[in-house]
Structures are given as structure tokens and as C-alpha cells.
Protein backbone atom coordinates (compact mmCIF):
# COMPACT_ATOMS: atom_id res chain seq x y z
CA MET A 1 41.86 52.80 122.03
CA GLY A 2 42.91 56.00 123.86
CA THR A 3 45.20 54.05 126.20
CA THR A 4 46.99 52.37 123.28
CA SER A 5 47.74 55.63 121.46
CA ILE A 6 49.02 57.35 124.62
CA GLY A 7 51.26 54.38 125.51
CA SER A 8 52.89 54.11 122.05
CA THR A 9 53.73 57.80 121.64
CA PRO A 10 56.43 58.02 124.36
CA THR A 11 58.09 54.85 123.02
CA ARG A 12 58.18 56.26 119.50
CA GLU A 13 59.49 59.61 120.74
CA MET A 14 62.14 57.84 122.83
CA LYS A 15 63.41 55.96 119.75
CA LEU A 16 63.55 59.16 117.72
CA ALA A 17 65.37 60.95 120.53
CA THR A 18 67.87 58.11 120.77
CA GLN A 19 68.54 58.28 117.03
CA LYS A 20 69.03 62.04 117.16
CA SER A 21 71.36 61.77 120.15
CA ASP A 22 73.40 59.04 118.44
CA TRP A 23 73.93 61.18 115.34
CA HIS A 24 75.09 64.00 117.60
CA ARG A 25 77.62 61.57 119.06
CA TRP A 26 78.68 60.56 115.54
CA TRP A 27 79.39 64.18 114.60
CA LEU A 28 81.26 64.83 117.86
CA VAL A 29 83.50 61.84 117.19
CA VAL A 30 84.09 63.03 113.61
CA PHE A 31 84.98 66.57 114.76
CA PHE A 32 87.35 65.16 117.37
CA ALA A 33 89.04 62.94 114.77
CA ILE A 34 89.44 65.88 112.35
CA ALA A 35 91.04 67.98 115.10
CA MET A 36 93.33 65.05 115.97
CA ALA A 37 94.26 64.77 112.29
CA TRP A 38 95.42 68.40 112.25
CA VAL A 39 97.56 67.82 115.34
CA GLU A 40 99.02 64.66 113.77
CA SER A 41 99.80 66.31 110.44
CA ALA A 42 101.37 69.32 112.20
CA VAL A 43 103.60 67.10 114.34
CA VAL A 44 104.66 65.01 111.34
CA PHE A 45 105.38 68.21 109.40
CA TYR A 46 107.64 69.44 112.22
CA LEU A 47 109.47 66.10 112.44
CA ARG A 48 109.94 65.67 108.71
CA THR A 49 111.16 69.24 108.39
CA MET A 50 113.77 68.66 111.11
CA ILE A 51 115.12 65.55 109.38
CA ASP A 52 114.63 66.92 105.85
CA ARG A 53 112.18 64.20 104.86
CA ILE A 54 108.98 66.00 103.82
CA GLU A 55 108.78 63.39 101.08
CA PRO A 56 109.42 60.10 102.88
CA TYR A 57 110.28 58.03 99.81
CA GLN A 58 113.94 58.94 99.35
CA SER A 59 117.33 57.53 100.29
CA ASP A 60 117.76 56.90 104.02
CA PRO A 61 114.04 57.52 104.73
CA LEU A 62 114.32 57.01 108.50
CA PRO A 63 117.56 58.66 109.63
CA VAL A 64 118.65 58.27 113.25
CA ILE A 65 118.72 61.75 114.79
CA GLY A 66 118.99 62.25 118.53
CA GLY A 67 116.29 60.47 120.51
CA PHE A 68 113.49 60.92 117.97
CA ALA A 69 112.79 57.20 117.73
CA MET A 70 112.30 56.83 121.49
CA VAL A 71 109.80 59.69 121.40
CA GLU A 72 108.02 58.93 118.11
CA LEU A 73 107.15 55.31 118.82
CA PRO A 74 105.30 56.03 122.12
CA ARG A 75 103.64 59.02 120.42
CA GLU A 76 102.13 56.74 117.78
CA LEU A 77 100.86 54.40 120.47
CA ALA A 78 99.42 57.32 122.45
CA THR A 79 97.55 58.53 119.35
CA LEU A 80 95.94 55.12 118.84
CA ILE A 81 94.94 54.99 122.52
CA MET A 82 93.28 58.41 122.28
CA LEU A 83 91.28 57.39 119.20
CA PHE A 84 90.17 54.17 120.90
CA VAL A 85 89.21 55.91 124.13
CA VAL A 86 86.97 58.43 122.36
CA GLY A 87 85.06 55.46 120.96
CA LEU A 88 84.67 53.99 124.44
CA LEU A 89 83.30 57.28 125.72
CA ALA A 90 80.89 57.84 122.84
CA GLY A 91 79.24 54.42 122.56
CA ARG A 92 76.30 53.07 124.54
CA SER A 93 77.09 49.40 123.84
CA TRP A 94 80.35 47.60 123.16
CA ARG A 95 79.50 47.27 119.46
CA ALA A 96 78.75 51.00 119.25
CA ARG A 97 81.94 51.82 121.14
CA PHE A 98 84.01 49.82 118.69
CA GLY A 99 82.09 51.42 115.84
CA TYR A 100 82.87 54.93 117.05
CA ALA A 101 86.53 53.97 117.58
CA VAL A 102 86.96 52.80 113.98
CA ILE A 103 85.10 55.90 112.74
CA ALA A 104 87.56 58.06 114.65
CA PHE A 105 90.53 56.17 113.19
CA GLY A 106 89.21 56.30 109.64
CA VAL A 107 88.38 60.03 109.71
CA TRP A 108 91.70 60.80 111.42
CA ASP A 109 93.69 58.88 108.81
CA ILE A 110 92.01 60.48 105.77
CA PHE A 111 92.14 64.04 107.07
CA TYR A 112 95.77 63.53 108.12
CA TYR A 113 96.69 63.36 104.43
CA VAL A 114 94.30 66.18 103.54
CA PHE A 115 95.97 68.49 106.06
CA LEU A 116 99.50 67.42 105.08
CA LYS A 117 98.64 68.38 101.52
CA LEU A 118 97.48 71.80 102.70
CA ILE A 119 100.51 72.32 104.96
CA CYS A 120 103.40 71.21 102.76
CA GLY A 121 102.01 70.19 99.38
CA TRP A 122 102.61 66.48 99.94
CA PRO A 123 101.36 63.92 98.93
CA HIS A 124 101.46 64.80 95.25
CA SER A 125 99.10 61.95 94.39
CA VAL A 126 97.30 59.10 96.15
CA LEU A 127 99.94 56.73 94.77
CA ASP A 128 102.84 58.39 96.62
CA TRP A 129 104.64 56.06 99.03
CA ASP A 130 104.43 56.79 102.74
CA VAL A 131 105.66 55.33 106.00
CA LEU A 132 102.28 54.51 107.51
CA PHE A 133 103.37 53.35 110.98
CA LEU A 134 106.57 52.42 112.78
CA LEU A 135 105.12 49.84 115.19
CA PRO A 136 106.33 47.13 115.39
CA MET A 137 108.38 47.88 112.25
CA PRO A 138 107.95 50.34 109.37
CA TRP A 139 104.79 49.93 107.28
CA TRP A 140 105.11 51.12 103.68
CA GLY A 141 102.32 51.70 101.19
CA PRO A 142 100.79 54.15 98.74
CA VAL A 143 98.53 56.76 100.34
CA LEU A 144 95.55 55.23 98.56
CA ALA A 145 95.86 51.88 100.35
CA PRO A 146 95.28 53.03 103.96
CA SER A 147 92.67 55.51 102.72
CA LEU A 148 90.60 52.68 101.24
CA ILE A 149 90.76 50.80 104.55
CA SER A 150 89.76 53.98 106.40
CA MET A 151 86.68 54.35 104.17
CA LEU A 152 85.64 50.80 105.05
CA MET A 153 86.12 51.58 108.73
CA ILE A 154 83.97 54.71 108.54
CA LEU A 155 81.15 52.89 106.72
CA TRP A 156 81.11 49.89 109.06
CA GLY A 157 81.50 52.07 112.16
CA THR A 158 78.55 54.21 111.09
CA LEU A 159 76.30 51.19 110.59
CA ALA A 160 77.44 49.61 113.85
CA SER A 161 76.93 52.75 115.93
CA GLN A 162 73.79 54.22 114.36
CA PHE A 163 71.49 51.65 112.78
CA GLU A 164 71.74 48.45 114.78
CA PRO A 165 69.25 49.17 117.59
CA VAL A 166 66.34 50.29 115.38
CA HIS A 167 66.66 49.14 111.79
CA PHE A 168 68.24 45.70 111.54
CA ARG A 169 69.91 42.88 113.36
CA MET A 170 73.73 42.92 113.26
CA THR A 171 75.42 39.71 112.24
CA SER A 172 77.05 37.47 114.80
CA ASN A 173 78.36 35.07 112.15
CA LYS A 174 81.79 34.00 113.31
CA ARG A 175 82.86 33.05 109.79
CA VAL A 176 82.43 36.64 108.67
CA TRP A 177 84.79 37.86 111.37
CA VAL A 178 87.27 35.10 110.64
CA LEU A 179 87.37 36.31 107.03
CA ASN A 180 87.72 39.89 108.24
CA SER A 181 90.60 38.99 110.55
CA THR A 182 92.30 37.12 107.71
CA GLY A 183 92.01 40.25 105.58
CA VAL A 184 93.53 42.38 108.32
CA LEU A 185 96.50 40.01 108.65
CA LEU A 186 96.99 39.97 104.87
CA ALA A 187 96.94 43.78 104.72
CA LEU A 188 99.48 43.99 107.54
CA TYR A 189 101.71 41.55 105.69
CA VAL A 190 101.48 43.61 102.48
CA PHE A 191 102.39 46.80 104.35
CA MET A 192 105.32 45.20 106.20
CA ALA A 193 106.52 42.70 103.57
CA ASP A 194 109.60 44.72 102.62
CA SER A 195 110.51 45.38 106.25
CA LEU A 196 110.10 41.70 107.04
CA ALA A 197 112.38 40.82 104.13
CA ALA A 198 114.99 43.28 105.41
CA THR A 199 115.10 41.62 108.83
CA HIS A 200 117.34 38.92 107.34
CA HIS A 201 120.04 41.58 107.09
CA ARG A 202 121.34 43.95 109.73
CA LEU A 203 118.97 46.10 111.78
CA GLY A 204 119.93 49.20 109.83
CA ALA A 205 118.60 47.60 106.63
CA ILE A 206 115.02 48.03 107.91
CA ARG A 207 115.64 51.74 108.47
CA THR A 208 117.25 52.39 105.07
CA MET A 209 115.06 50.05 103.00
CA LEU A 210 112.89 51.50 100.20
CA PRO A 211 110.06 49.35 98.80
CA GLN A 212 110.02 48.90 95.03
CA ARG A 213 106.57 47.49 94.32
CA PHE A 214 103.27 47.41 96.18
CA ASN A 215 101.40 44.11 96.00
CA TRP A 216 98.04 45.46 94.80
CA PRO A 217 96.53 42.04 93.91
CA LEU A 218 97.12 40.65 97.40
CA PHE A 219 95.98 43.91 98.96
CA GLY A 220 92.80 43.74 96.87
CA VAL A 221 92.08 40.29 98.28
CA ALA A 222 92.73 41.62 101.80
CA LEU A 223 90.40 44.57 101.20
CA VAL A 224 87.56 42.31 100.04
CA LEU A 225 88.01 40.05 103.07
CA MET A 226 88.04 43.06 105.40
CA ALA A 227 84.81 44.26 103.79
CA THR A 228 82.87 41.04 104.54
CA PRO A 229 81.20 42.37 107.74
CA LEU A 230 80.13 45.48 105.83
CA MET A 231 78.78 43.39 102.94
CA LYS A 232 76.92 41.12 105.37
CA ILE A 233 75.29 44.09 107.10
CA GLY A 234 74.45 45.67 103.74
CA TRP A 235 72.81 42.43 102.60
CA GLN A 236 70.71 42.31 105.76
CA PHE A 237 69.78 45.96 105.39
CA PHE A 238 68.76 46.00 101.73
CA VAL A 239 67.55 42.38 101.45
CA PRO A 240 65.95 41.62 104.82
CA GLU A 241 65.39 37.98 105.64
CA ARG A 242 61.79 36.82 105.63
CA ILE A 243 60.97 35.32 108.98
CA GLU A 244 57.63 33.60 109.36
CA THR A 245 56.14 33.97 112.79
CA VAL A 246 53.18 32.08 114.17
CA ASN A 247 51.16 33.76 116.86
CA THR A 248 49.69 31.10 119.13
CA GLU A 249 48.01 33.55 121.50
CA PRO A 250 44.32 34.27 120.87
CA GLN A 251 43.72 37.66 119.30
CA GLU A 252 41.40 40.04 121.07
CA GLU A 253 38.72 41.19 118.69
CA ILE A 254 37.62 44.78 118.90
CA GLY A 255 34.08 45.41 117.73
CA CYS A 256 30.71 46.85 118.62
CA THR A 257 28.00 44.85 120.40
CA HIS A 258 24.37 45.70 120.78
CA ASN A 259 23.32 46.78 124.28
CA PRO A 260 19.72 45.71 124.99
CA GLU A 261 19.25 48.63 127.38
CA ASN A 262 19.87 51.20 124.58
């Protein structure tokens, strides 16, 4: 009995220590992403002030000034690389690394708008239009749309990085990830639909184009599809599957026997 209790204590302590360490990593990634968000919002504030486009939704939203485009496009790519690399450094497994990376992106994206609001008073509401990205062509959408995706990323990334090893088995269902990928492609189409339509005209039409209507129904479908891995994990977490196991090995009975010598 004494041997069993001594042997189980270090294992239990090791699991608790691992959980505590992982939450420390989670907070470090979040703090890094918040700091990156301030840098991003400050840089965007400088750029939009220089081109007089604090509010992006106005005539000629992407004016050609100097070599800004040749600098801004690699800067966006460099930002994404930095957010991905912090996930690689923080995670212990590839799933956890990807989880931390999407946490970093989600926190960065939300706090980017929070800090822009503090710096320059924009956006005025979550329905204000914004140029979300420029790669490979301008993405347009209300502030609310990318924020909803970022919330999904933070939730899934937290489950993937914190709870998989101890609490539940993560899904490996390929159909779930096919649905998720379909949702991602649909969301990208919604964001770039107006830019894609403008490609039939001259190149300058993409730069001067202003979207008129956001396709919320199609985006809602995309959001639900993107949420399928999160819903699958939530189902496994709150409604665990009952697995019947049969132990074929003989059980060692522990009891007291009478000793004739006593």
C-alpha cells in the first residue's frame, strides 16, 4: 500500500506542474500578442495619417504614395510570421504550437482595434468597414466579422493548447477539418468578393473600389463551418463518450489471511 501511494504522488504532481506551466505559456503568448497589437495599431495610425485615411472607407481608399505598397505588403507578411513563430516556440506538441499561434493571431486582431479606438477614435462601431489585409488583394469587411473569427481562434487555441493532454481526447475526424477548411475558403471569398469582381476592370479599380454590401448570410455559414472543430471538442468535453472496457487480466485481491503462527 505504501509503495502505491508514493509512486502515484510524483505522477499527479507532474501533471499539475505541467498544467500550471502551460497556463503560464498561455499568458505569455497573450501578453506578446497584446504588445504586437499596440505596435500594429501604432504603425497603421502613422500610415493612415500620412495618407489622410484614418477612416479607410472613403473615396480612393488605397492611394498610391511613394513606395508604401512595396513596404506595407512585406510588413503584413512579417507580422503573420512573427505571430506564427511565437506559437512554435510556446507549444510542446504540434497541436499545441498551432493552438498558441491562433491564440496569438486572435488576441492580436482584437486588441488591434481596441488600441486604434484609443489612439484615433476609430472604429466608431463594430460595423465600420475596414481594409483587413492587402495580401494577395484587399480584403474588406466590417470590424465585427474578423473579430468573430478571432474569438473562435482564441477558444479553439485555448482548448488545443491547454486541455488535450489531461482532460479529453482531441478529434482527428477528417470530415470536421474539411468542413473547417470550407468555412475558411468561404470567409476569404466574402472578404475579397468585391476585389475579385474589380479584377475584370483595370488594376486601379481594385485600389479605388469601395464595397457596398457585406454578405452576412454567407459569412454566417462560413463562421458555423469554421466552428465545427470547436463544437466537436466541446461535445467531447461536456458529453464524453462512454467506452466499455473489459479487463482480461486477473485482479490481485488484497485482503488479510490468518497466520497459524500468531
